[in-house]
C-alpha atoms as a PDB file:
ATOM      1  CA  UNK A   1     -22.872 -19.355 -78.973  1.00  0.00           C
ATOM      2  CA  UNK A   2     -19.936 -20.636 -81.026  1.00  0.00           C
ATOM      3  CA  UNK A   3     -19.216 -23.349 -78.469  1.00  0.00           C
ATOM      4  CA  UNK A   4     -22.861 -24.438 -78.519  1.00  0.00           C
ATOM      5  CA  UNK A   5     -22.853 -24.670 -82.309  1.00  0.00           C
ATOM      6  CA  UNK A   6     -19.617 -26.658 -82.300  1.00  0.00           C
ATOM      7  CA  UNK A   7     -20.999 -29.028 -79.670  1.00  0.00           C
ATOM      8  CA  UNK A   8     -24.202 -29.575 -81.633  1.00  0.00           C
ATOM      9  CA  UNK A   9     -22.220 -30.264 -84.775  1.00  0.00           C
ATOM     10  CA  UNK A  10     -20.075 -32.786 -82.941  1.00  0.00           C
ATOM     11  CA  UNK A  11     -23.100 -34.563 -81.547  1.00  0.00           C
ATOM     12  CA  UNK A  12     -24.650 -34.780 -85.001  1.00  0.00           C
ATOM     13  CA  UNK A  13     -21.399 -36.092 -86.460  1.00  0.00           C
ATOM     14  CA  UNK A  14     -21.042 -38.589 -83.635  1.00  0.00           C
ATOM     15  CA  UNK A  15     -24.566 -39.823 -84.150  1.00  0.00           C
ATOM     16  CA  UNK A  16     -23.793 -40.490 -87.791  1.00  0.00           C
ATOM     17  CA  UNK A  17     -20.412 -42.061 -87.053  1.00  0.00           C
ATOM     18  CA  UNK A  18     -21.814 -44.661 -84.662  1.00  0.00           C
ATOM     19  CA  UNK A  19     -22.672 -46.695 -87.743  1.00  0.00           C
ATOM     20  CA  UNK A  20     -18.969 -46.850 -88.549  1.00  0.00           C
ATOM     21  CA  UNK A  21     -17.039 -49.540 -86.724  1.00  0.00           C
ATOM     22  CA  UNK A  22     -14.130 -47.636 -85.262  1.00  0.00           C
ATOM     23  CA  UNK A  23     -12.051 -48.079 -82.112  1.00  0.00           C
ATOM     24  CA  UNK A  24      -9.481 -45.582 -80.884  1.00  0.00           C
ATOM     25  CA  UNK A  25      -6.818 -45.631 -78.172  1.00  0.00           C
ATOM     26  CA  UNK A  26      -7.176 -42.833 -75.631  1.00  0.00           C
ATOM     27  CA  UNK A  27      -4.009 -40.813 -74.980  1.00  0.00           C
ATOM     28  CA  UNK A  28      -3.952 -39.148 -71.566  1.00  0.00           C
ATOM     29  CA  UNK A  29      -1.646 -36.997 -69.433  1.00  0.00           C
ATOM     30  CA  UNK A  30      -0.096 -37.663 -66.035  1.00  0.00           C
ATOM     31  CA  UNK A  31       2.870 -39.841 -66.888  1.00  0.00           C
ATOM     32  CA  UNK A  32       1.144 -43.190 -67.240  1.00  0.00           C
ATOM     33  CA  UNK A  33       2.016 -45.345 -70.240  1.00  0.00           C
ATOM     34  CA  UNK A  34      -1.137 -44.922 -72.334  1.00  0.00           C
ATOM     35  CA  UNK A  35       0.738 -46.660 -75.164  1.00  0.00           C
ATOM     36  CA  UNK A  36       1.119 -49.974 -73.281  1.00  0.00           C
ATOM     37  CA  UNK A  37       0.286 -53.269 -75.009  1.00  0.00           C
ATOM     38  CA  UNK A  38       0.810 -52.060 -78.594  1.00  0.00           C
ATOM     39  CA  UNK A  39      -0.219 -55.360 -80.202  1.00  0.00           C
ATOM     40  CA  UNK A  40      -3.290 -55.869 -78.004  1.00  0.00           C
ATOM     41  CA  UNK A  41      -5.993 -53.877 -79.743  1.00  0.00           C
ATOM     42  CA  UNK A  42      -5.005 -54.845 -83.313  1.00  0.00           C
ATOM     43  CA  UNK A  43      -5.149 -58.506 -82.255  1.00  0.00           C
ATOM     44  CA  UNK A  44      -8.545 -58.062 -80.612  1.00  0.00           C
ATOM     45  CA  UNK A  45      -9.847 -56.312 -83.723  1.00  0.00           C
ATOM     46  CA  UNK A  46      -8.611 -59.146 -85.940  1.00  0.00           C
ATOM     47  CA  UNK A  47     -10.231 -61.699 -83.629  1.00  0.00           C
ATOM     48  CA  UNK A  48     -13.561 -59.867 -83.650  1.00  0.00           C
ATOM     49  CA  UNK A  49     -13.578 -59.451 -87.421  1.00  0.00           C
ATOM     50  CA  UNK A  50     -12.899 -63.154 -87.911  1.00  0.00           C
ATOM     51  CA  UNK A  51     -15.235 -64.579 -85.260  1.00  0.00           C
ATOM     52  CA  UNK A  52     -18.194 -62.293 -84.532  1.00  0.00           C
ATOM     53  CA  UNK A  53     -18.753 -60.579 -87.864  1.00  0.00           C
ATOM     54  CA  UNK A  54     -17.522 -57.083 -87.097  1.00  0.00           C
ATOM     55  CA  UNK A  55     -15.832 -54.958 -89.736  1.00  0.00           C
ATOM     56  CA  UNK A  56     -13.540 -52.909 -87.571  1.00  0.00           C
ATOM     57  CA  UNK A  57     -10.667 -50.970 -89.084  1.00  0.00           C
ATOM     58  CA  UNK A  58      -7.594 -53.107 -88.516  1.00  0.00           C
ATOM     59  CA  UNK A  59      -5.436 -50.236 -87.251  1.00  0.00           C
ATOM     60  CA  UNK A  60      -6.852 -48.308 -84.279  1.00  0.00           C
ATOM     61  CA  UNK A  61      -6.285 -44.573 -84.213  1.00  0.00           C
ATOM     62  CA  UNK A  62      -4.937 -42.617 -81.226  1.00  0.00           C
ATOM     63  CA  UNK A  63      -6.937 -39.674 -79.866  1.00  0.00           C
ATOM     64  CA  UNK A  64      -6.350 -37.259 -76.991  1.00  0.00           C
ATOM     65  CA  UNK A  65      -8.896 -36.872 -74.192  1.00  0.00           C
ATOM     66  CA  UNK A  66      -9.532 -33.207 -74.889  1.00  0.00           C
ATOM     67  CA  UNK A  67      -9.780 -33.515 -78.653  1.00  0.00           C
ATOM     68  CA  UNK A  68     -13.051 -33.129 -80.558  1.00  0.00           C
ATOM     69  CA  UNK A  69     -11.980 -36.109 -82.647  1.00  0.00           C
ATOM     70  CA  UNK A  70     -13.076 -38.543 -79.918  1.00  0.00           C
ATOM     71  CA  UNK A  71     -16.624 -37.983 -81.170  1.00  0.00           C
ATOM     72  CA  UNK A  72     -15.705 -39.849 -84.350  1.00  0.00           C
ATOM     73  CA  UNK A  73     -15.216 -43.113 -82.456  1.00  0.00           C
ATOM     74  CA  UNK A  74     -18.031 -45.086 -80.789  1.00  0.00           C
ATOM     75  CA  UNK A  75     -15.466 -47.073 -78.748  1.00  0.00           C
ATOM     76  CA  UNK A  76     -12.452 -45.699 -76.860  1.00  0.00           C
ATOM     77  CA  UNK A  77      -9.916 -47.983 -75.187  1.00  0.00           C
ATOM     78  CA  UNK A  78      -7.596 -46.864 -72.411  1.00  0.00           C
ATOM     79  CA  UNK A  79      -4.870 -48.768 -70.571  1.00  0.00           C
ATOM     80  CA  UNK A  80      -1.570 -48.369 -68.760  1.00  0.00           C
ATOM     81  CA  UNK A  81       0.264 -48.906 -65.479  1.00  0.00           C
ATOM     82  CA  UNK A  82       0.672 -45.436 -63.958  1.00  0.00           C
ATOM     83  CA  UNK A  83      -0.687 -41.998 -63.231  1.00  0.00           C
ATOM     84  CA  UNK A  84      -3.675 -40.492 -65.026  1.00  0.00           C
ATOM     85  CA  UNK A  85      -4.639 -36.818 -64.988  1.00  0.00           C
ATOM     86  CA  UNK A  86      -7.624 -35.271 -66.771  1.00  0.00           C
ATOM     87  CA  UNK A  87      -7.870 -31.485 -66.888  1.00  0.00           C
ATOM     88  CA  UNK A  88     -11.250 -29.867 -66.277  1.00  0.00           C
ATOM     89  CA  UNK A  89     -11.618 -29.260 -70.022  1.00  0.00           C
ATOM     90  CA  UNK A  90     -10.735 -32.875 -70.784  1.00  0.00           C
ATOM     91  CA  UNK A  91     -13.264 -34.148 -68.245  1.00  0.00           C
ATOM     92  CA  UNK A  92     -15.963 -31.981 -69.787  1.00  0.00           C
ATOM     93  CA  UNK A  93     -15.110 -33.232 -73.271  1.00  0.00           C
ATOM     94  CA  UNK A  94     -15.005 -36.884 -72.238  1.00  0.00           C
ATOM     95  CA  UNK A  95     -18.237 -36.583 -70.243  1.00  0.00           C
ATOM     96  CA  UNK A  96     -20.009 -35.013 -73.239  1.00  0.00           C
ATOM     97  CA  UNK A  97     -18.713 -37.831 -75.430  1.00  0.00           C
ATOM     98  CA  UNK A  98     -19.958 -40.560 -73.084  1.00  0.00           C
ATOM     99  CA  UNK A  99     -23.342 -38.963 -72.480  1.00  0.00           C
ATOM    100  CA  UNK A 100     -23.913 -38.498 -76.210  1.00  0.00           C
ATOM    101  CA  UNK A 101     -23.529 -42.195 -76.970  1.00  0.00           C
ATOM    102  CA  UNK A 102     -19.833 -42.985 -76.644  1.00  0.00           C
ATOM    103  CA  UNK A 103     -18.213 -45.828 -74.704  1.00  0.00           C
ATOM    104  CA  UNK A 104     -14.925 -46.042 -72.806  1.00  0.00           C
ATOM    105  CA  UNK A 105     -13.206 -49.270 -71.760  1.00  0.00           C
ATOM    106  CA  UNK A 106     -10.410 -48.767 -69.235  1.00  0.00           C
ATOM    107  CA  UNK A 107      -8.257 -51.859 -68.747  1.00  0.00           C
ATOM    108  CA  UNK A 108      -6.053 -51.563 -65.666  1.00  0.00           C
ATOM    109  CA  UNK A 109      -2.747 -53.125 -66.610  1.00  0.00           C
ATOM    110  CA  UNK A 110      -1.926 -53.363 -62.877  1.00  0.00           C
ATOM    111  CA  UNK A 111      -0.832 -50.015 -61.467  1.00  0.00           C
ATOM    112  CA  UNK A 112      -3.500 -47.660 -62.836  1.00  0.00           C
ATOM    113  CA  UNK A 113      -6.278 -48.325 -60.318  1.00  0.00           C
ATOM    114  CA  UNK A 114      -5.196 -45.913 -57.592  1.00  0.00           C
ATOM    115  CA  UNK A 115      -5.078 -43.066 -60.103  1.00  0.00           C
ATOM    116  CA  UNK A 116      -8.028 -43.727 -62.385  1.00  0.00           C
ATOM    117  CA  UNK A 117     -10.692 -44.222 -59.703  1.00  0.00           C
ATOM    118  CA  UNK A 118     -10.426 -40.604 -58.575  1.00  0.00           C
ATOM    119  CA  UNK A 119     -10.582 -39.356 -62.148  1.00  0.00           C
ATOM    120  CA  UNK A 120     -13.746 -41.390 -62.780  1.00  0.00           C
ATOM    121  CA  UNK A 121     -15.343 -40.008 -59.622  1.00  0.00           C
ATOM    122  CA  UNK A 122     -14.612 -36.479 -60.817  1.00  0.00           C
ATOM    123  CA  UNK A 123     -15.857 -37.332 -64.298  1.00  0.00           C
ATOM    124  CA  UNK A 124     -19.207 -38.557 -62.905  1.00  0.00           C
ATOM    125  CA  UNK A 125     -19.586 -37.038 -59.437  1.00  0.00           C
ATOM    126  CA  UNK A 126     -23.271 -37.959 -59.241  1.00  0.00           C
ATOM    127  CA  UNK A 127     -22.916 -41.570 -60.386  1.00  0.00           C
ATOM    128  CA  UNK A 128     -21.432 -44.513 -58.512  1.00  0.00           C
ATOM    129  CA  UNK A 129     -18.799 -46.773 -60.012  1.00  0.00           C
ATOM    130  CA  UNK A 130     -20.468 -50.119 -59.407  1.00  0.00           C
ATOM    131  CA  UNK A 131     -19.628 -53.750 -59.982  1.00  0.00           C
ATOM    132  CA  UNK A 132     -21.421 -55.097 -63.031  1.00  0.00           C
ATOM    133  CA  UNK A 133     -23.812 -57.969 -62.398  1.00  0.00           C
ATOM    134  CA  UNK A 134     -23.248 -61.380 -63.929  1.00  0.00           C
ATOM    135  CA  UNK A 135     -26.518 -61.035 -65.835  1.00  0.00           C
ATOM    136  CA  UNK A 136     -25.175 -58.112 -67.882  1.00  0.00           C
ATOM    137  CA  UNK A 137     -24.805 -58.782 -71.647  1.00  0.00           C
ATOM    138  CA  UNK A 138     -21.029 -58.233 -71.655  1.00  0.00           C
ATOM    139  CA  UNK A 139     -20.714 -61.640 -69.992  1.00  0.00           C
ATOM    140  CA  UNK A 140     -22.846 -63.460 -72.565  1.00  0.00           C
ATOM    141  CA  UNK A 141     -23.012 -61.257 -75.669  1.00  0.00           C
ATOM    142  CA  UNK A 142     -21.079 -63.690 -77.885  1.00  0.00           C
ATOM    143  CA  UNK A 143     -19.251 -65.994 -75.467  1.00  0.00           C
ATOM    144  CA  UNK A 144     -20.435 -67.219 -72.081  1.00  0.00           C
ATOM    145  CA  UNK A 145     -18.656 -66.106 -68.917  1.00  0.00           C
ATOM    146  CA  UNK A 146     -21.037 -67.233 -66.149  1.00  0.00           C
ATOM    147  CA  UNK A 147     -18.462 -66.400 -63.468  1.00  0.00           C
ATOM    148  CA  UNK A 148     -17.822 -62.934 -64.850  1.00  0.00           C
ATOM    149  CA  UNK A 149     -14.549 -61.332 -65.870  1.00  0.00           C
ATOM    150  CA  UNK A 150     -11.796 -63.940 -66.448  1.00  0.00           C
ATOM    151  CA  UNK A 151      -8.453 -63.825 -64.675  1.00  0.00           C
ATOM    152  CA  UNK A 152      -5.745 -63.515 -67.316  1.00  0.00           C
ATOM    153  CA  UNK A 153      -2.659 -62.638 -65.254  1.00  0.00           C
ATOM    154  CA  UNK A 154      -2.202 -63.252 -61.534  1.00  0.00           C
ATOM    155  CA  UNK A 155      -0.395 -60.530 -59.598  1.00  0.00           C
ATOM    156  CA  UNK A 156      -1.748 -60.299 -56.092  1.00  0.00           C
ATOM    157  CA  UNK A 157      -4.413 -62.943 -55.586  1.00  0.00           C
ATOM    158  CA  UNK A 158      -7.380 -60.594 -55.861  1.00  0.00           C
ATOM    159  CA  UNK A 159     -10.454 -61.544 -57.860  1.00  0.00           C
ATOM    160  CA  UNK A 160     -11.104 -59.826 -61.196  1.00  0.00           C
ATOM    161  CA  UNK A 161     -13.769 -57.126 -61.239  1.00  0.00           C
ATOM    162  CA  UNK A 162     -15.748 -55.438 -63.977  1.00  0.00           C
ATOM    163  CA  UNK A 163     -16.828 -52.019 -62.738  1.00  0.00           C
ATOM    164  CA  UNK A 164     -19.090 -49.636 -64.593  1.00  0.00           C
ATOM    165  CA  UNK A 165     -20.754 -46.263 -64.806  1.00  0.00           C
ATOM    166  CA  UNK A 166     -24.353 -46.408 -66.027  1.00  0.00           C
ATOM    167  CA  UNK A 167     -26.343 -43.504 -67.427  1.00  0.00           C
ATOM    168  CA  UNK A 168     -30.026 -44.100 -68.236  1.00  0.00           C
ATOM    169  CA  UNK A 169     -29.402 -47.838 -67.850  1.00  0.00           C
ATOM    170  CA  UNK A 170     -26.659 -47.744 -70.490  1.00  0.00           C
ATOM    171  CA  UNK A 171     -23.130 -48.831 -69.622  1.00  0.00           C
ATOM    172  CA  UNK A 172     -21.015 -45.880 -70.727  1.00  0.00           C
ATOM    173  CA  UNK A 173     -17.740 -46.659 -68.941  1.00  0.00           C
ATOM    174  CA  UNK A 174     -16.247 -50.069 -68.187  1.00  0.00           C
ATOM    175  CA  UNK A 175     -13.265 -50.468 -65.860  1.00  0.00           C
ATOM    176  CA  UNK A 176     -11.699 -53.929 -65.788  1.00  0.00           C
ATOM    177  CA  UNK A 177      -9.554 -54.624 -62.720  1.00  0.00           C
ATOM    178  CA  UNK A 178      -7.354 -57.510 -61.555  1.00  0.00           C
ATOM    179  CA  UNK A 179      -7.721 -59.246 -64.907  1.00  0.00           C
ATOM    180  CA  UNK A 180      -5.201 -57.854 -67.411  1.00  0.00           C
ATOM    181  CA  UNK A 181      -7.291 -58.465 -70.512  1.00  0.00           C
ATOM    182  CA  UNK A 182      -4.944 -56.388 -72.681  1.00  0.00           C
ATOM    183  CA  UNK A 183      -1.945 -58.559 -71.908  1.00  0.00           C
ATOM    184  CA  UNK A 184      -4.011 -61.543 -73.008  1.00  0.00           C
ATOM    185  CA  UNK A 185      -4.732 -59.826 -76.318  1.00  0.00           C
ATOM    186  CA  UNK A 186      -1.057 -59.217 -77.068  1.00  0.00           C
ATOM    187  CA  UNK A 187       1.042 -61.316 -79.451  1.00  0.00           C
ATOM    188  CA  UNK A 188       1.657 -64.810 -77.995  1.00  0.00           C
ATOM    189  CA  UNK A 189       5.412 -64.242 -77.737  1.00  0.00           C
ATOM    190  CA  UNK A 190       5.024 -61.163 -75.504  1.00  0.00           C
ATOM    191  CA  UNK A 191       3.823 -62.982 -72.382  1.00  0.00           C
ATOM    192  CA  UNK A 192       3.933 -66.649 -73.439  1.00  0.00           C
ATOM    193  CA  UNK A 193       0.406 -67.180 -72.159  1.00  0.00           C
ATOM    194  CA  UNK A 194      -1.231 -70.571 -72.745  1.00  0.00           C
ATOM    195  CA  UNK A 195      -3.547 -70.534 -75.733  1.00  0.00           C
ATOM    196  CA  UNK A 196      -6.566 -71.158 -73.518  1.00  0.00           C
ATOM    197  CA  UNK A 197      -5.799 -68.031 -71.480  1.00  0.00           C
ATOM    198  CA  UNK A 198      -5.398 -65.887 -74.604  1.00  0.00           C
ATOM    199  CA  UNK A 199      -8.649 -67.315 -75.948  1.00  0.00           C
ATOM    200  CA  UNK A 200     -10.535 -66.280 -72.799  1.00  0.00           C
ATOM    201  CA  UNK A 201      -9.094 -62.763 -72.986  1.00  0.00           C
ATOM    202  CA  UNK A 202      -9.997 -62.371 -76.653  1.00  0.00           C
ATOM    203  CA  UNK A 203     -13.487 -63.786 -76.168  1.00  0.00           C
ATOM    204  CA  UNK A 204     -14.174 -61.438 -73.269  1.00  0.00           C
ATOM    205  CA  UNK A 205     -12.889 -58.552 -75.364  1.00  0.00           C
ATOM    206  CA  UNK A 206     -15.146 -59.630 -78.211  1.00  0.00           C
ATOM    207  CA  UNK A 207     -18.125 -59.523 -75.861  1.00  0.00           C
ATOM    208  CA  UNK A 208     -17.303 -55.915 -74.975  1.00  0.00           C
ATOM    209  CA  UNK A 209     -16.901 -54.970 -78.628  1.00  0.00           C
ATOM    210  CA  UNK A 210     -20.151 -56.708 -79.551  1.00  0.00           C
ATOM    211  CA  UNK A 211     -22.003 -54.921 -76.750  1.00  0.00           C
ATOM    212  CA  UNK A 212     -20.960 -51.562 -78.184  1.00  0.00           C
ATOM    213  CA  UNK A 213     -21.431 -52.220 -81.891  1.00  0.00           C
ATOM    214  CA  UNK A 214     -24.311 -54.695 -82.001  1.00  0.00           C
ATOM    215  CA  UNK A 215     -26.720 -53.331 -79.394  1.00  0.00           C
END
């Protein structure tokens, strides 16, 4: 009974907090570097606030997968290069969060794919991780990407892919592969990317943010 009451309270609080424009970084176990790209999200937030009219808090918070505090944030961002492990309790918590209105963007920073796919399959065993069609709003929400996810960094010649989990026709989890959006959001001096490449990364990120906060 106590768990049910706590869950109901969290859902009510989450429903109220969706009006707040908050993004948090998801901290996970397994050894992967969840803290990668430290300047990426603050730069994306600044870009969104200056170009698409959002009012996001300039400093993203960090939350753990199993924490009740994830329900305070409509948008969770996750990245890294290595292993990812969700406990059964963490999977239950994250699944509840996503099904109650939350959104998770996982940006593979090259090296996470082989670990995160299995965790997603366990998170949603009855839903398929599918490639998102070019007609989806994330490719045209604010900026037009008629060819889909842009290629920011080239590592192995594979095409970029935007994969998703949908529940009741709502995109609840977005996995971006073979793109490296987060590196494109970082400070210019980190990777010395051409301005046009950084612009594409930021614009694509802004589309994702807009999809979550403006729909």
